[in-house]
Amino acid sequence: MIKRMVQHGNSSALIIDKPIMELLNIDPETPLEIATDGQNIIISPVGDPKRMDRLEKALGKINKKHESTLKKLAK
C-alpha cells in the first residue's frame, strides 16, 4: 500500500485506513509510539501503561538487589 502525506495545519499527517486500525486493534484514541531505524518510520501502539510501570518497578528492584553482580558482568 502506498500512501501520501496530507497537510494538517502547519504539519503533515498520514491517514491510517480502518482495516489496518482493526488489524492492529487500535482506534483514534490509542497512543502511538513513533520511532525510526534511520531509514524507516516505525509506528507502534503503546502498550498498557500500568504494565510498563510494573515492569520498570520490577527492573528497579532487580538492579538494586543485584547491582554488584550486574556491574561485574558488564566488565
N, C-alpha and C. Protein backbone atom coordinates (compact mmCIF):
# COMPACT_ATOMS: atom_id res chain seq x y z
N MET A 1 0.85 -1.17 0.00
CA MET A 1 0.00 0.00 0.00
C MET A 1 0.90 1.24 0.00
N ILE A 2 0.66 2.14 -0.88
CA ILE A 2 1.42 3.39 -0.95
C ILE A 2 0.50 4.51 -0.48
N LYS A 3 1.00 5.33 0.43
CA LYS A 3 0.24 6.44 0.99
C LYS A 3 1.01 7.73 0.77
N ARG A 4 0.30 8.84 0.76
CA ARG A 4 0.92 10.16 0.68
C ARG A 4 0.53 10.94 1.93
N MET A 5 1.44 11.79 2.36
CA MET A 5 1.15 12.67 3.49
C MET A 5 0.12 13.70 3.04
N VAL A 6 -0.70 14.16 3.99
CA VAL A 6 -1.67 15.22 3.72
C VAL A 6 -1.37 16.39 4.65
N GLN A 7 -1.67 17.59 4.20
CA GLN A 7 -1.47 18.78 5.04
C GLN A 7 -2.51 18.80 6.16
N HIS A 8 -2.04 19.13 7.35
CA HIS A 8 -2.89 19.25 8.53
C HIS A 8 -2.40 20.47 9.29
N GLY A 9 -2.95 21.65 8.97
CA GLY A 9 -2.43 22.89 9.55
C GLY A 9 -1.03 23.14 9.04
N ASN A 10 -0.10 23.39 9.95
CA ASN A 10 1.30 23.60 9.58
C ASN A 10 2.10 22.30 9.56
N SER A 11 1.43 21.17 9.76
CA SER A 11 2.09 19.87 9.81
C SER A 11 1.62 18.99 8.67
N SER A 12 2.18 17.80 8.61
CA SER A 12 1.72 16.79 7.66
C SER A 12 1.19 15.61 8.46
N ALA A 13 0.26 14.88 7.87
CA ALA A 13 -0.36 13.75 8.56
C ALA A 13 -0.40 12.55 7.63
N LEU A 14 -0.41 11.38 8.22
CA LEU A 14 -0.55 10.13 7.49
C LEU A 14 -1.87 9.52 7.91
N ILE A 15 -2.74 9.24 6.97
CA ILE A 15 -4.04 8.65 7.27
C ILE A 15 -3.87 7.13 7.34
N ILE A 16 -4.32 6.54 8.44
CA ILE A 16 -4.27 5.09 8.61
C ILE A 16 -5.66 4.55 8.31
N ASP A 17 -5.75 3.68 7.32
CA ASP A 17 -7.05 3.14 6.90
C ASP A 17 -7.66 2.26 7.98
N LYS A 18 -8.99 2.22 8.00
CA LYS A 18 -9.73 1.47 9.01
C LYS A 18 -9.34 -0.01 9.07
N PRO A 19 -9.16 -0.71 7.94
CA PRO A 19 -8.77 -2.14 8.04
C PRO A 19 -7.43 -2.34 8.77
N ILE A 20 -6.49 -1.42 8.58
CA ILE A 20 -5.22 -1.53 9.29
C ILE A 20 -5.42 -1.27 10.77
N MET A 21 -6.24 -0.28 11.10
CA MET A 21 -6.52 0.01 12.50
C MET A 21 -7.19 -1.19 13.18
N GLU A 22 -8.12 -1.82 12.48
CA GLU A 22 -8.79 -3.00 13.03
C GLU A 22 -7.80 -4.16 13.22
N LEU A 23 -6.91 -4.35 12.25
CA LEU A 23 -5.91 -5.40 12.34
C LEU A 23 -5.02 -5.21 13.57
N LEU A 24 -4.65 -3.96 13.86
CA LEU A 24 -3.77 -3.65 14.99
C LEU A 24 -4.54 -3.44 16.28
N ASN A 25 -5.86 -3.52 16.20
CA ASN A 25 -6.72 -3.32 17.37
C ASN A 25 -6.48 -1.95 18.01
N ILE A 26 -6.45 -0.91 17.16
CA ILE A 26 -6.29 0.45 17.66
C ILE A 26 -7.45 1.31 17.18
N ASP A 27 -7.63 2.44 17.83
CA ASP A 27 -8.64 3.41 17.42
C ASP A 27 -8.02 4.80 17.49
N PRO A 28 -8.76 5.85 17.13
CA PRO A 28 -8.16 7.19 17.13
C PRO A 28 -7.65 7.66 18.50
N GLU A 29 -8.06 7.01 19.57
CA GLU A 29 -7.63 7.39 20.92
C GLU A 29 -6.40 6.62 21.39
N THR A 30 -5.98 5.61 20.64
CA THR A 30 -4.83 4.78 21.03
C THR A 30 -3.54 5.58 20.92
N PRO A 31 -2.75 5.67 22.00
CA PRO A 31 -1.46 6.34 21.88
C PRO A 31 -0.51 5.51 21.02
N LEU A 32 0.21 6.20 20.14
CA LEU A 32 1.14 5.52 19.24
C LEU A 32 2.55 6.02 19.47
N GLU A 33 3.51 5.12 19.41
CA GLU A 33 4.92 5.48 19.52
C GLU A 33 5.48 5.56 18.11
N ILE A 34 6.20 6.63 17.83
CA ILE A 34 6.83 6.79 16.52
C ILE A 34 8.34 6.72 16.71
N ALA A 35 8.97 5.81 15.98
CA ALA A 35 10.42 5.62 16.07
C ALA A 35 10.98 5.51 14.65
N THR A 36 12.28 5.48 14.55
CA THR A 36 12.93 5.29 13.25
C THR A 36 14.18 4.45 13.43
N ASP A 37 14.51 3.72 12.39
CA ASP A 37 15.77 2.98 12.38
C ASP A 37 16.79 3.69 11.49
N GLY A 38 16.47 4.92 11.11
CA GLY A 38 17.34 5.70 10.27
C GLY A 38 16.90 5.72 8.82
N GLN A 39 16.09 4.74 8.43
CA GLN A 39 15.58 4.68 7.06
C GLN A 39 14.07 4.53 7.00
N ASN A 40 13.48 4.00 8.05
CA ASN A 40 12.06 3.71 8.07
C ASN A 40 11.40 4.38 9.26
N ILE A 41 10.13 4.70 9.11
CA ILE A 41 9.32 5.17 10.23
C ILE A 41 8.60 3.96 10.80
N ILE A 42 8.68 3.79 12.11
CA ILE A 42 8.04 2.66 12.78
C ILE A 42 6.98 3.23 13.72
N ILE A 43 5.73 2.87 13.48
CA ILE A 43 4.61 3.35 14.29
C ILE A 43 4.02 2.15 15.01
N SER A 44 4.01 2.20 16.35
CA SER A 44 3.55 1.07 17.15
C SER A 44 2.58 1.54 18.22
N PRO A 45 1.54 0.76 18.49
CA PRO A 45 0.66 1.10 19.62
C PRO A 45 1.46 1.02 20.92
N VAL A 46 1.23 1.97 21.80
CA VAL A 46 1.88 1.97 23.11
C VAL A 46 1.21 0.89 23.95
N GLY A 47 2.02 0.11 24.65
CA GLY A 47 1.48 -0.95 25.49
C GLY A 47 0.75 -0.39 26.69
N ASP A 48 0.20 -1.26 27.48
CA ASP A 48 -0.54 -0.89 28.68
C ASP A 48 0.38 -0.13 29.63
N PRO A 49 0.08 1.15 29.93
CA PRO A 49 0.97 1.94 30.80
C PRO A 49 1.14 1.33 32.19
N LYS A 50 0.11 0.70 32.73
CA LYS A 50 0.22 0.09 34.06
C LYS A 50 1.20 -1.08 34.02
N ARG A 51 1.15 -1.85 32.93
CA ARG A 51 2.06 -2.97 32.79
C ARG A 51 3.50 -2.49 32.69
N MET A 52 3.72 -1.44 31.90
CA MET A 52 5.07 -0.88 31.77
C MET A 52 5.57 -0.34 33.11
N ASP A 53 4.68 0.27 33.89
CA ASP A 53 5.07 0.79 35.20
C ASP A 53 5.50 -0.36 36.12
N ARG A 54 4.73 -1.45 36.10
CA ARG A 54 5.10 -2.62 36.93
C ARG A 54 6.44 -3.19 36.48
N LEU A 55 6.67 -3.25 35.16
CA LEU A 55 7.93 -3.76 34.65
C LEU A 55 9.09 -2.89 35.10
N GLU A 56 8.94 -1.57 35.00
CA GLU A 56 10.01 -0.65 35.42
C GLU A 56 10.31 -0.79 36.90
N LYS A 57 9.28 -0.94 37.72
CA LYS A 57 9.49 -1.12 39.17
C LYS A 57 10.22 -2.43 39.45
N ALA A 58 9.82 -3.50 38.75
CA ALA A 58 10.47 -4.80 38.94
C ALA A 58 11.93 -4.73 38.51
N LEU A 59 12.21 -4.09 37.39
CA LEU A 59 13.59 -3.95 36.94
C LEU A 59 14.42 -3.13 37.92
N GLY A 60 13.80 -2.11 38.51
CA GLY A 60 14.49 -1.30 39.51
C GLY A 60 14.89 -2.13 40.72
N LYS A 61 13.99 -2.99 41.17
CA LYS A 61 14.28 -3.86 42.32
C LYS A 61 15.41 -4.84 41.98
N ILE A 62 15.34 -5.41 40.79
CA ILE A 62 16.38 -6.36 40.37
C ILE A 62 17.73 -5.66 40.29
N ASN A 63 17.76 -4.48 39.68
CA ASN A 63 19.02 -3.74 39.55
C ASN A 63 19.59 -3.38 40.92
N LYS A 64 18.73 -2.99 41.84
CA LYS A 64 19.19 -2.62 43.18
C LYS A 64 19.74 -3.85 43.92
N LYS A 65 19.01 -4.95 43.84
CA LYS A 65 19.38 -6.16 44.56
C LYS A 65 20.67 -6.78 44.01
N HIS A 66 20.85 -6.73 42.68
CA HIS A 66 21.97 -7.41 42.04
C HIS A 66 22.96 -6.44 41.40
N GLU A 67 23.02 -5.22 41.93
CA GLU A 67 23.85 -4.17 41.33
C GLU A 67 25.32 -4.60 41.16
N SER A 68 25.92 -5.15 42.22
CA SER A 68 27.35 -5.50 42.12
C SER A 68 27.58 -6.64 41.11
N THR A 69 26.71 -7.61 41.09
CA THR A 69 26.84 -8.71 40.15
C THR A 69 26.70 -8.22 38.71
N LEU A 70 25.72 -7.35 38.48
CA LEU A 70 25.49 -6.83 37.13
C LEU A 70 26.69 -5.99 36.67
N LYS A 71 27.30 -5.24 37.59
CA LYS A 71 28.48 -4.46 37.22
C LYS A 71 29.64 -5.37 36.85
N LYS A 72 29.81 -6.46 37.58
CA LYS A 72 30.87 -7.42 37.26
C LYS A 72 30.62 -8.06 35.89
N LEU A 73 29.38 -8.40 35.61
CA LEU A 73 29.06 -8.99 34.31
C LEU A 73 29.27 -8.01 33.16
N ALA A 74 29.09 -6.74 33.43
CA ALA A 74 29.25 -5.73 32.38
C ALA A 74 30.71 -5.54 31.98
N LYS A 75 31.63 -5.93 32.87
CA LYS A 75 33.06 -5.77 32.58
C LYS A 75 33.53 -6.80 31.66
